[in-house]
């Protein structure tokens, strides 16, 4: 499985790459600002993963074009800032995240797509770099669906149904756990049926 990893400056990228490789993925890592859409198409990835990183969705280089132009063609997952890109492209508002004291979140989910086969609730470390979150005061549009939320009702998972486009907002350390690896497995091997 060829995976293009669009790196948005995540300092802990190996937390994702190690588990992906253990699951059989051939990862090609490129800075998100170094590629154009045409180059990505020429690479013919089977999956695209947008990583966390500092900054805002508007500053993620090719990630915006990937979500706009390749959703429905190539399964795309966004983690952290990558999820914020998905929300941004669907024109749903992002608001500043409030500070939380607990380093771990209790996450409930709908058991579909990325979360298929996982128990609910599950515990996961919070993304320490989360600066923007989905505006919980407004109902998502028909395009965007909330797939997971924490004990405070904060959205930590979303999808654009039918386009193989999903996001999660957790610390990348979680992907070395059984639940995190199950999510990566679903992305690699189940995404074609979304």
N, C-alpha and C. Protein backbone atom coordinates (compact mmCIF):
# COMPACT_ATOMS: atom_id res chain seq x y z
N UNK A 1 0.85 -1.18 0.00
CA UNK A 1 0.00 0.00 0.00
C UNK A 1 0.90 1.24 0.00
N UNK A 2 0.82 2.04 -1.06
CA UNK A 2 1.63 3.26 -1.17
C UNK A 2 0.90 4.42 -0.51
N UNK A 3 1.54 5.01 0.49
CA UNK A 3 0.96 6.12 1.25
C UNK A 3 1.83 7.36 1.09
N UNK A 4 1.23 8.41 0.60
CA UNK A 4 1.90 9.71 0.58
C UNK A 4 1.59 10.40 1.90
N UNK A 5 2.64 10.70 2.66
CA UNK A 5 2.48 11.39 3.94
C UNK A 5 2.85 12.85 3.72
N UNK A 6 1.85 13.72 3.78
CA UNK A 6 2.07 15.16 3.65
C UNK A 6 2.38 15.72 5.03
N UNK A 7 3.63 16.05 5.24
CA UNK A 7 4.11 16.48 6.55
C UNK A 7 3.89 17.98 6.72
N UNK A 8 3.12 18.31 7.74
CA UNK A 8 2.83 19.71 8.08
C UNK A 8 3.73 20.21 9.20
N UNK A 9 4.87 19.57 9.38
CA UNK A 9 5.83 20.02 10.40
C UNK A 9 5.70 19.31 11.72
N UNK A 10 5.11 18.12 11.72
CA UNK A 10 4.96 17.35 12.95
C UNK A 10 6.32 16.93 13.49
N UNK A 11 6.70 17.36 14.71
CA UNK A 11 8.00 16.97 15.26
C UNK A 11 8.07 15.50 15.68
N UNK A 12 6.93 14.84 15.77
CA UNK A 12 6.90 13.44 16.21
C UNK A 12 6.40 12.53 15.09
N UNK A 13 6.82 12.78 13.88
CA UNK A 13 6.34 12.06 12.71
C UNK A 13 6.56 10.56 12.81
N UNK A 14 7.63 10.14 13.46
CA UNK A 14 7.91 8.71 13.57
C UNK A 14 6.81 7.97 14.33
N UNK A 15 6.06 8.68 15.18
CA UNK A 15 4.93 8.06 15.87
C UNK A 15 3.87 7.55 14.90
N UNK A 16 3.82 8.13 13.71
CA UNK A 16 2.90 7.67 12.67
C UNK A 16 3.58 6.72 11.70
N UNK A 17 4.79 7.05 11.29
CA UNK A 17 5.47 6.26 10.27
C UNK A 17 5.77 4.84 10.73
N UNK A 18 6.22 4.67 11.97
CA UNK A 18 6.53 3.34 12.48
C UNK A 18 5.33 2.41 12.41
N UNK A 19 4.18 2.79 13.00
CA UNK A 19 3.00 1.92 12.93
C UNK A 19 2.50 1.69 11.50
N UNK A 20 2.57 2.72 10.65
CA UNK A 20 2.15 2.53 9.25
C UNK A 20 3.01 1.48 8.56
N UNK A 21 4.32 1.57 8.76
CA UNK A 21 5.22 0.60 8.13
C UNK A 21 5.01 -0.80 8.69
N UNK A 22 4.75 -0.91 9.99
CA UNK A 22 4.46 -2.22 10.58
C UNK A 22 3.23 -2.85 9.96
N UNK A 23 2.29 -2.03 9.51
CA UNK A 23 1.07 -2.52 8.87
C UNK A 23 1.25 -2.76 7.37
N UNK A 24 2.46 -2.59 6.87
CA UNK A 24 2.74 -2.89 5.47
C UNK A 24 2.69 -1.71 4.52
N UNK A 25 2.61 -0.50 5.03
CA UNK A 25 2.56 0.68 4.17
C UNK A 25 3.95 1.06 3.69
N UNK A 26 4.04 1.45 2.43
CA UNK A 26 5.24 2.05 1.88
C UNK A 26 5.02 3.55 1.92
N UNK A 27 5.69 4.22 2.85
CA UNK A 27 5.44 5.64 3.09
C UNK A 27 6.44 6.52 2.33
N UNK A 28 5.90 7.47 1.59
CA UNK A 28 6.73 8.50 1.00
C UNK A 28 6.37 9.80 1.71
N UNK A 29 7.33 10.37 2.42
CA UNK A 29 7.09 11.57 3.22
C UNK A 29 7.57 12.78 2.44
N UNK A 30 6.68 13.76 2.32
CA UNK A 30 7.02 15.01 1.65
C UNK A 30 6.46 16.18 2.45
N UNK A 31 7.22 17.28 2.57
CA UNK A 31 6.65 18.47 3.20
C UNK A 31 5.43 18.93 2.39
N UNK A 32 4.36 19.28 3.08
CA UNK A 32 3.11 19.63 2.38
C UNK A 32 3.28 20.83 1.45
N UNK A 33 4.22 21.69 1.75
CA UNK A 33 4.43 22.87 0.91
C UNK A 33 5.34 22.62 -0.28
N UNK A 34 5.85 21.39 -0.44
CA UNK A 34 6.83 21.13 -1.50
C UNK A 34 6.22 20.53 -2.76
N UNK A 35 4.93 20.23 -2.75
CA UNK A 35 4.31 19.55 -3.88
C UNK A 35 3.15 20.35 -4.45
N UNK A 36 2.91 20.14 -5.72
CA UNK A 36 1.72 20.65 -6.41
C UNK A 36 0.80 19.47 -6.67
N UNK A 37 -0.46 19.74 -6.91
CA UNK A 37 -1.45 18.69 -7.13
C UNK A 37 -1.04 17.78 -8.30
N UNK A 38 -0.54 18.33 -9.37
CA UNK A 38 -0.13 17.54 -10.53
C UNK A 38 0.95 16.52 -10.13
N UNK A 39 1.90 16.95 -9.30
CA UNK A 39 2.96 16.03 -8.85
C UNK A 39 2.38 14.90 -8.01
N UNK A 40 1.42 15.22 -7.17
CA UNK A 40 0.79 14.20 -6.33
C UNK A 40 0.07 13.18 -7.21
N UNK A 41 -0.66 13.66 -8.20
CA UNK A 41 -1.34 12.73 -9.12
C UNK A 41 -0.33 11.83 -9.82
N UNK A 42 0.81 12.40 -10.25
CA UNK A 42 1.84 11.62 -10.94
C UNK A 42 2.46 10.56 -10.04
N UNK A 43 2.46 10.79 -8.73
CA UNK A 43 3.01 9.83 -7.78
C UNK A 43 2.10 8.61 -7.60
N UNK A 44 0.83 8.75 -7.94
CA UNK A 44 -0.17 7.68 -7.84
C UNK A 44 -0.23 7.02 -6.47
N UNK A 45 -0.37 7.81 -5.40
CA UNK A 45 -0.49 7.16 -4.08
C UNK A 45 -1.84 6.45 -3.97
N UNK A 46 -1.87 5.42 -3.14
CA UNK A 46 -3.13 4.72 -2.88
C UNK A 46 -3.86 5.32 -1.68
N UNK A 47 -3.12 6.00 -0.82
CA UNK A 47 -3.67 6.70 0.34
C UNK A 47 -2.85 7.96 0.56
N UNK A 48 -3.49 8.98 1.15
CA UNK A 48 -2.78 10.21 1.52
C UNK A 48 -3.08 10.50 2.97
N UNK A 49 -2.02 10.74 3.74
CA UNK A 49 -2.15 11.07 5.16
C UNK A 49 -1.60 12.48 5.38
N UNK A 50 -2.42 13.35 5.94
CA UNK A 50 -2.00 14.72 6.28
C UNK A 50 -1.70 14.76 7.77
N UNK A 51 -0.49 15.15 8.12
CA UNK A 51 -0.03 15.07 9.50
C UNK A 51 -0.42 16.29 10.33
N UNK A 52 -0.24 16.17 11.65
CA UNK A 52 -0.35 17.35 12.51
C UNK A 52 0.81 18.31 12.21
N UNK A 53 0.75 19.44 12.84
CA UNK A 53 1.82 20.41 12.74
C UNK A 53 1.36 21.75 13.29
N UNK A 54 2.27 22.67 13.38
CA UNK A 54 1.89 24.01 13.82
C UNK A 54 1.20 24.76 12.69
N UNK A 55 0.56 25.83 13.01
CA UNK A 55 -0.02 26.67 11.97
C UNK A 55 -1.51 26.48 11.80
N UNK A 56 -1.98 27.01 10.70
CA UNK A 56 -3.41 27.03 10.39
C UNK A 56 -3.66 26.24 9.10
N UNK A 57 -4.88 25.81 8.87
CA UNK A 57 -5.19 25.05 7.65
C UNK A 57 -4.79 25.77 6.36
N UNK A 58 -4.92 27.08 6.34
CA UNK A 58 -4.59 27.84 5.13
C UNK A 58 -3.12 27.78 4.78
N UNK A 59 -2.28 27.35 5.73
CA UNK A 59 -0.83 27.34 5.53
C UNK A 59 -0.28 25.94 5.28
N UNK A 60 -1.12 25.01 4.82
CA UNK A 60 -0.69 23.61 4.70
C UNK A 60 -0.34 23.20 3.27
N UNK A 61 0.00 24.14 2.43
CA UNK A 61 0.47 23.81 1.09
C UNK A 61 -0.52 22.99 0.30
N UNK A 62 -0.09 21.82 -0.16
CA UNK A 62 -0.89 20.97 -1.04
C UNK A 62 -2.10 20.33 -0.35
N UNK A 63 -2.14 20.35 0.98
CA UNK A 63 -3.24 19.67 1.68
C UNK A 63 -4.61 20.19 1.26
N UNK A 64 -4.76 21.49 1.12
CA UNK A 64 -6.04 22.04 0.71
C UNK A 64 -6.45 21.51 -0.67
N UNK A 65 -5.51 21.51 -1.61
CA UNK A 65 -5.82 21.01 -2.96
C UNK A 65 -6.14 19.52 -2.94
N UNK A 66 -5.45 18.76 -2.10
CA UNK A 66 -5.72 17.33 -1.98
C UNK A 66 -7.16 17.10 -1.56
N UNK A 67 -7.60 17.80 -0.52
CA UNK A 67 -8.95 17.60 -0.02
C UNK A 67 -9.98 18.06 -1.06
N UNK A 68 -9.73 19.18 -1.70
CA UNK A 68 -10.68 19.71 -2.68
C UNK A 68 -10.74 18.84 -3.94
N UNK A 69 -9.59 18.39 -4.42
CA UNK A 69 -9.54 17.75 -5.74
C UNK A 69 -9.45 16.23 -5.72
N UNK A 70 -8.92 15.63 -4.66
CA UNK A 70 -8.70 14.18 -4.68
C UNK A 70 -9.65 13.39 -3.80
N UNK A 71 -10.45 14.06 -2.96
CA UNK A 71 -11.44 13.36 -2.15
C UNK A 71 -12.39 12.62 -3.09
N UNK A 72 -12.66 11.38 -2.77
CA UNK A 72 -13.50 10.55 -3.62
C UNK A 72 -12.70 9.77 -4.64
N UNK A 73 -11.46 10.17 -4.84
CA UNK A 73 -10.57 9.50 -5.79
C UNK A 73 -9.52 8.67 -5.04
N UNK A 74 -8.93 9.27 -4.01
CA UNK A 74 -7.91 8.63 -3.18
C UNK A 74 -8.34 8.83 -1.72
N UNK A 75 -8.42 7.77 -0.91
CA UNK A 75 -8.74 7.97 0.50
C UNK A 75 -7.71 8.87 1.19
N UNK A 76 -8.22 9.84 1.96
CA UNK A 76 -7.38 10.83 2.63
C UNK A 76 -7.74 10.85 4.11
N UNK A 77 -6.72 10.80 4.97
CA UNK A 77 -6.92 10.95 6.41
C UNK A 77 -6.12 12.15 6.89
N UNK A 78 -6.71 12.90 7.80
CA UNK A 78 -6.03 14.03 8.40
C UNK A 78 -5.95 13.85 9.90
N UNK A 79 -4.78 14.09 10.46
CA UNK A 79 -4.58 13.98 11.90
C UNK A 79 -4.19 15.36 12.41
N UNK A 80 -4.83 15.81 13.50
CA UNK A 80 -4.52 17.13 14.06
C UNK A 80 -4.79 18.23 13.05
N UNK A 81 -3.75 18.93 12.64
CA UNK A 81 -3.90 20.00 11.65
C UNK A 81 -4.51 19.45 10.35
N UNK A 82 -4.20 18.20 10.02
CA UNK A 82 -4.80 17.57 8.85
C UNK A 82 -6.31 17.50 8.95
N UNK A 83 -6.84 17.22 10.14
CA UNK A 83 -8.29 17.22 10.34
C UNK A 83 -8.84 18.63 10.21
N UNK A 84 -8.10 19.61 10.70
CA UNK A 84 -8.55 21.00 10.59
C UNK A 84 -8.66 21.41 9.13
N UNK A 85 -7.79 20.88 8.27
CA UNK A 85 -7.87 21.16 6.83
C UNK A 85 -9.21 20.68 6.28
N UNK A 86 -9.61 19.46 6.66
CA UNK A 86 -10.88 18.91 6.19
C UNK A 86 -12.04 19.80 6.62
N UNK A 87 -12.03 20.22 7.87
CA UNK A 87 -13.10 21.09 8.38
C UNK A 87 -13.09 22.41 7.63
N UNK A 88 -11.92 22.99 7.43
CA UNK A 88 -11.79 24.27 6.73
C UNK A 88 -12.35 24.19 5.31
N UNK A 89 -12.01 23.12 4.60
CA UNK A 89 -12.45 22.98 3.21
C UNK A 89 -13.97 22.83 3.11
N UNK A 90 -14.60 22.25 4.13
CA UNK A 90 -16.05 22.12 4.10
C UNK A 90 -16.75 23.40 4.56
N UNK A 91 -15.97 24.45 4.77
CA UNK A 91 -16.49 25.78 5.14
C UNK A 91 -17.19 25.78 6.49
N UNK A 92 -16.75 24.89 7.36
CA UNK A 92 -17.31 24.86 8.70
C UNK A 92 -16.36 25.63 9.61
N UNK A 93 -16.87 26.46 10.53
CA UNK A 93 -15.97 27.31 11.32
C UNK A 93 -15.12 26.55 12.33
N UNK A 94 -13.89 27.00 12.44
CA UNK A 94 -12.96 26.54 13.48
C UNK A 94 -12.84 27.66 14.50
N UNK A 95 -12.78 27.29 15.77
CA UNK A 95 -12.66 28.28 16.84
C UNK A 95 -11.45 27.90 17.71
N UNK A 96 -10.91 28.87 18.46
CA UNK A 96 -9.78 28.53 19.34
C UNK A 96 -10.16 27.46 20.36
N UNK A 97 -9.26 26.51 20.55
CA UNK A 97 -9.49 25.44 21.54
C UNK A 97 -9.30 26.01 22.94
N UNK A 98 -10.11 25.54 23.86
CA UNK A 98 -9.90 25.94 25.25
C UNK A 98 -8.88 25.01 25.89
N UNK A 99 -8.18 25.51 26.86
CA UNK A 99 -7.17 24.71 27.55
C UNK A 99 -7.85 23.65 28.41
N UNK A 100 -7.29 22.45 28.37
CA UNK A 100 -7.80 21.37 29.20
C UNK A 100 -6.67 20.87 30.09
N UNK A 101 -7.03 20.43 31.27
CA UNK A 101 -6.02 19.98 32.22
C UNK A 101 -5.65 18.52 32.02
N UNK A 102 -6.64 17.71 31.71
CA UNK A 102 -6.39 16.28 31.56
C UNK A 102 -5.62 16.01 30.28
N UNK A 103 -4.60 15.19 30.39
CA UNK A 103 -3.79 14.87 29.21
C UNK A 103 -4.39 13.74 28.40
N UNK A 104 -5.39 13.07 28.97
CA UNK A 104 -6.04 11.96 28.29
C UNK A 104 -7.50 12.29 28.07
N UNK A 105 -8.02 11.90 26.91
CA UNK A 105 -9.42 12.11 26.60
C UNK A 105 -10.15 10.78 26.57
N UNK A 106 -11.39 10.78 27.02
CA UNK A 106 -12.26 9.63 26.85
C UNK A 106 -13.07 9.90 25.60
N UNK A 107 -12.85 9.08 24.58
CA UNK A 107 -13.44 9.33 23.27
C UNK A 107 -14.56 8.34 22.98
N UNK A 108 -15.69 8.87 22.61
CA UNK A 108 -16.81 8.06 22.12
C UNK A 108 -16.86 8.27 20.61
N UNK A 109 -17.30 7.24 19.90
CA UNK A 109 -17.32 7.35 18.44
C UNK A 109 -18.49 6.55 17.88
N UNK A 110 -18.71 6.69 16.58
CA UNK A 110 -19.86 6.05 15.95
C UNK A 110 -19.58 4.65 15.42
N UNK A 111 -18.34 4.15 15.56
CA UNK A 111 -18.03 2.79 15.15
C UNK A 111 -17.96 2.57 13.65
N UNK A 112 -17.88 3.64 12.88
CA UNK A 112 -17.85 3.52 11.42
C UNK A 112 -16.49 3.93 10.87
N UNK A 113 -16.18 3.45 9.68
CA UNK A 113 -15.00 3.81 8.91
C UNK A 113 -13.71 3.70 9.73
N UNK A 114 -13.05 4.81 10.06
CA UNK A 114 -11.81 4.73 10.83
C UNK A 114 -12.01 4.01 12.16
N UNK A 115 -13.19 4.16 12.75
CA UNK A 115 -13.45 3.61 14.08
C UNK A 115 -14.10 2.23 14.05
N UNK A 116 -14.24 1.62 12.89
CA UNK A 116 -14.88 0.31 12.77
C UNK A 116 -14.12 -0.72 13.61
N UNK A 117 -14.87 -1.47 14.42
CA UNK A 117 -14.29 -2.53 15.23
C UNK A 117 -13.64 -2.09 16.52
N UNK A 118 -13.61 -0.78 16.80
CA UNK A 118 -13.02 -0.29 18.04
C UNK A 118 -14.09 -0.18 19.12
N UNK A 119 -13.71 -0.46 20.39
CA UNK A 119 -14.68 -0.26 21.46
C UNK A 119 -14.96 1.22 21.67
N UNK A 120 -16.09 1.52 22.24
CA UNK A 120 -16.42 2.91 22.58
C UNK A 120 -16.98 2.90 24.00
N UNK A 121 -16.40 3.68 24.92
CA UNK A 121 -15.35 4.67 24.70
C UNK A 121 -13.96 4.05 24.69
N UNK A 122 -13.01 4.85 24.20
CA UNK A 122 -11.60 4.53 24.25
C UNK A 122 -10.87 5.72 24.85
N UNK A 123 -9.71 5.47 25.41
CA UNK A 123 -8.90 6.56 25.96
C UNK A 123 -7.76 6.85 25.01
N UNK A 124 -7.47 8.13 24.82
CA UNK A 124 -6.39 8.54 23.93
C UNK A 124 -5.76 9.81 24.48
N UNK A 125 -4.45 9.97 24.27
CA UNK A 125 -3.81 11.22 24.70
C UNK A 125 -4.29 12.38 23.84
N UNK A 126 -4.51 13.51 24.46
CA UNK A 126 -4.94 14.70 23.73
C UNK A 126 -3.80 15.22 22.87
N UNK A 127 -4.16 15.82 21.76
CA UNK A 127 -3.18 16.45 20.88
C UNK A 127 -2.70 17.72 21.58
N UNK A 128 -1.41 17.78 21.99
CA UNK A 128 -0.93 18.93 22.75
C UNK A 128 -0.88 20.21 21.91
N UNK A 129 -0.87 20.08 20.59
CA UNK A 129 -0.76 21.25 19.73
C UNK A 129 -2.08 21.78 19.22
N UNK A 130 -3.20 21.24 19.72
CA UNK A 130 -4.49 21.66 19.21
C UNK A 130 -4.74 23.13 19.54
N UNK A 131 -4.87 23.92 18.50
CA UNK A 131 -5.16 25.33 18.71
C UNK A 131 -6.54 25.69 18.18
N UNK A 132 -7.04 24.92 17.20
CA UNK A 132 -8.36 25.16 16.63
C UNK A 132 -9.19 23.90 16.69
N UNK A 133 -10.49 24.08 16.94
CA UNK A 133 -11.41 22.95 16.97
C UNK A 133 -12.68 23.34 16.22
N UNK A 134 -13.46 22.33 15.90
CA UNK A 134 -14.75 22.54 15.27
C UNK A 134 -15.64 23.34 16.20
N UNK A 135 -16.33 24.32 15.66
CA UNK A 135 -17.23 25.15 16.45
C UNK A 135 -18.44 24.32 16.88
N UNK A 136 -18.47 23.90 18.13
CA UNK A 136 -19.53 23.04 18.65
C UNK A 136 -20.86 23.73 18.83
N UNK A 137 -20.91 25.05 18.67
CA UNK A 137 -22.17 25.77 18.83
C UNK A 137 -23.03 25.70 17.58
N UNK A 138 -22.41 25.29 16.47
CA UNK A 138 -23.14 25.20 15.21
C UNK A 138 -23.24 23.76 14.76
N UNK A 139 -24.33 23.45 14.15
CA UNK A 139 -24.54 22.09 13.63
C UNK A 139 -23.75 21.93 12.33
N UNK A 140 -23.03 20.79 12.18
CA UNK A 140 -22.28 20.59 10.94
C UNK A 140 -23.19 20.59 9.72
N UNK A 141 -22.62 20.96 8.59
CA UNK A 141 -23.36 20.94 7.33
C UNK A 141 -23.62 19.50 6.93
N UNK A 142 -24.37 19.33 5.87
CA UNK A 142 -24.65 17.98 5.37
C UNK A 142 -23.37 17.28 4.91
N UNK A 143 -22.36 18.05 4.51
CA UNK A 143 -21.12 17.46 4.01
C UNK A 143 -20.25 16.89 5.14
N UNK A 144 -20.25 17.54 6.28
CA UNK A 144 -19.35 17.17 7.37
C UNK A 144 -20.12 16.43 8.46
N UNK A 145 -19.58 15.30 8.88
CA UNK A 145 -20.22 14.49 9.90
C UNK A 145 -19.25 14.29 11.07
N UNK A 146 -19.72 14.48 12.28
CA UNK A 146 -18.90 14.22 13.47
C UNK A 146 -18.89 12.72 13.70
N UNK A 147 -17.68 12.16 13.83
CA UNK A 147 -17.55 10.71 14.03
C UNK A 147 -17.06 10.35 15.43
N UNK A 148 -16.44 11.32 16.15
CA UNK A 148 -15.93 11.05 17.50
C UNK A 148 -15.90 12.34 18.30
N UNK A 149 -16.08 12.21 19.61
CA UNK A 149 -16.12 13.36 20.50
C UNK A 149 -15.59 12.94 21.86
N UNK A 150 -15.07 13.92 22.61
CA UNK A 150 -14.53 13.61 23.94
C UNK A 150 -15.58 13.86 25.02
N UNK A 151 -15.17 13.70 26.27
CA UNK A 151 -16.10 13.83 27.40
C UNK A 151 -16.67 15.23 27.54
N UNK A 152 -16.03 16.23 26.94
CA UNK A 152 -16.55 17.60 26.98
C UNK A 152 -17.42 17.92 25.77
N UNK A 153 -17.61 16.95 24.89
CA UNK A 153 -18.39 17.18 23.68
C UNK A 153 -17.58 17.79 22.54
N UNK A 154 -16.26 17.92 22.72
CA UNK A 154 -15.40 18.47 21.68
C UNK A 154 -15.21 17.43 20.58
N UNK A 155 -15.35 17.85 19.35
CA UNK A 155 -15.18 16.95 18.21
C UNK A 155 -13.72 16.55 18.09
N UNK A 156 -13.47 15.23 18.06
CA UNK A 156 -12.12 14.71 17.87
C UNK A 156 -12.06 13.78 16.66
N UNK A 157 -13.15 13.69 15.92
CA UNK A 157 -13.18 12.91 14.69
C UNK A 157 -14.27 13.41 13.78
N UNK A 158 -13.98 13.45 12.47
CA UNK A 158 -14.99 13.89 11.51
C UNK A 158 -14.75 13.20 10.17
N UNK A 159 -15.77 13.26 9.32
CA UNK A 159 -15.64 12.68 7.98
C UNK A 159 -16.54 13.44 7.01
N UNK A 160 -16.17 13.34 5.75
CA UNK A 160 -17.06 13.74 4.68
C UNK A 160 -17.53 12.43 4.07
N UNK A 161 -18.77 12.09 4.31
CA UNK A 161 -19.30 10.78 4.00
C UNK A 161 -19.22 10.48 2.50
N UNK A 162 -18.79 9.25 2.19
CA UNK A 162 -18.76 8.79 0.82
C UNK A 162 -17.57 9.22 0.00
N UNK A 163 -16.67 10.02 0.60
CA UNK A 163 -15.51 10.50 -0.15
C UNK A 163 -14.19 9.94 0.35
N UNK A 164 -14.22 9.03 1.32
CA UNK A 164 -12.98 8.49 1.85
C UNK A 164 -12.13 9.56 2.49
N UNK A 165 -12.77 10.50 3.17
CA UNK A 165 -12.11 11.67 3.75
C UNK A 165 -12.44 11.72 5.23
N UNK A 166 -11.43 11.46 6.09
CA UNK A 166 -11.66 11.37 7.53
C UNK A 166 -10.57 12.09 8.30
N UNK A 167 -10.91 12.55 9.50
CA UNK A 167 -9.94 13.20 10.35
C UNK A 167 -10.09 12.79 11.79
N UNK A 168 -8.96 12.82 12.53
CA UNK A 168 -8.96 12.58 13.98
C UNK A 168 -8.03 13.59 14.63
N UNK A 169 -8.35 13.94 15.86
CA UNK A 169 -7.58 14.96 16.59
C UNK A 169 -7.10 14.35 17.90
N UNK A 170 -5.97 13.61 17.83
CA UNK A 170 -5.36 13.00 19.00
C UNK A 170 -3.85 13.15 18.89
N UNK A 171 -3.16 12.92 19.98
CA UNK A 171 -1.70 12.95 19.97
C UNK A 171 -1.19 11.76 19.16
N UNK A 172 -0.16 11.97 18.37
CA UNK A 172 0.36 10.90 17.51
C UNK A 172 0.92 9.73 18.30
N UNK A 173 1.25 9.91 19.59
CA UNK A 173 1.72 8.79 20.42
C UNK A 173 0.70 7.65 20.45
N UNK A 174 -0.56 8.01 20.30
CA UNK A 174 -1.65 7.04 20.39
C UNK A 174 -1.56 5.98 19.29
N UNK A 175 -0.94 6.30 18.16
CA UNK A 175 -0.92 5.37 17.04
C UNK A 175 0.00 4.19 17.25
N UNK A 176 0.76 4.20 18.35
CA UNK A 176 1.56 3.02 18.69
C UNK A 176 0.77 2.07 19.61
N UNK A 177 -0.44 2.47 20.01
CA UNK A 177 -1.29 1.60 20.83
C UNK A 177 -2.16 0.73 19.92
N UNK A 178 -2.80 -0.26 20.51
CA UNK A 178 -3.67 -1.16 19.74
C UNK A 178 -4.78 -0.38 19.03
N UNK A 179 -5.47 0.51 19.75
CA UNK A 179 -6.57 1.27 19.14
C UNK A 179 -6.07 2.16 18.01
N UNK A 180 -4.94 2.82 18.23
CA UNK A 180 -4.39 3.67 17.19
C UNK A 180 -3.99 2.88 15.96
N UNK A 181 -3.40 1.70 16.17
CA UNK A 181 -3.03 0.86 15.03
C UNK A 181 -4.27 0.34 14.31
N UNK A 182 -5.34 0.07 15.05
CA UNK A 182 -6.59 -0.36 14.41
C UNK A 182 -7.14 0.74 13.50
N UNK A 183 -7.02 2.00 13.93
CA UNK A 183 -7.47 3.11 13.08
C UNK A 183 -6.62 3.19 11.82
N UNK A 184 -5.30 3.05 11.96
CA UNK A 184 -4.44 3.07 10.78
C UNK A 184 -4.73 1.89 9.86
N UNK A 185 -4.99 0.72 10.44
CA UNK A 185 -5.36 -0.44 9.63
C UNK A 185 -6.62 -0.15 8.83
N UNK A 186 -7.63 0.41 9.49
CA UNK A 186 -8.88 0.74 8.79
C UNK A 186 -8.62 1.72 7.65
N UNK A 187 -7.76 2.68 7.90
CA UNK A 187 -7.43 3.65 6.85
C UNK A 187 -6.75 2.97 5.67
N UNK A 188 -5.80 2.09 5.96
CA UNK A 188 -5.05 1.45 4.88
C UNK A 188 -5.88 0.43 4.11
N UNK A 189 -6.66 -0.37 4.82
CA UNK A 189 -7.25 -1.55 4.18
C UNK A 189 -8.77 -1.54 4.08
N UNK A 190 -9.44 -0.60 4.71
CA UNK A 190 -10.90 -0.54 4.61
C UNK A 190 -11.40 0.70 3.90
N UNK A 191 -10.53 1.67 3.67
CA UNK A 191 -10.96 2.97 3.15
C UNK A 191 -11.62 2.88 1.78
N UNK A 192 -11.28 1.89 0.97
CA UNK A 192 -11.86 1.83 -0.36
C UNK A 192 -13.36 1.59 -0.33
N UNK A 193 -13.92 1.11 0.79
CA UNK A 193 -15.35 0.87 0.85
C UNK A 193 -16.13 2.04 1.47
N UNK A 194 -15.45 3.10 1.86
CA UNK A 194 -16.13 4.24 2.46
C UNK A 194 -16.88 4.98 1.40
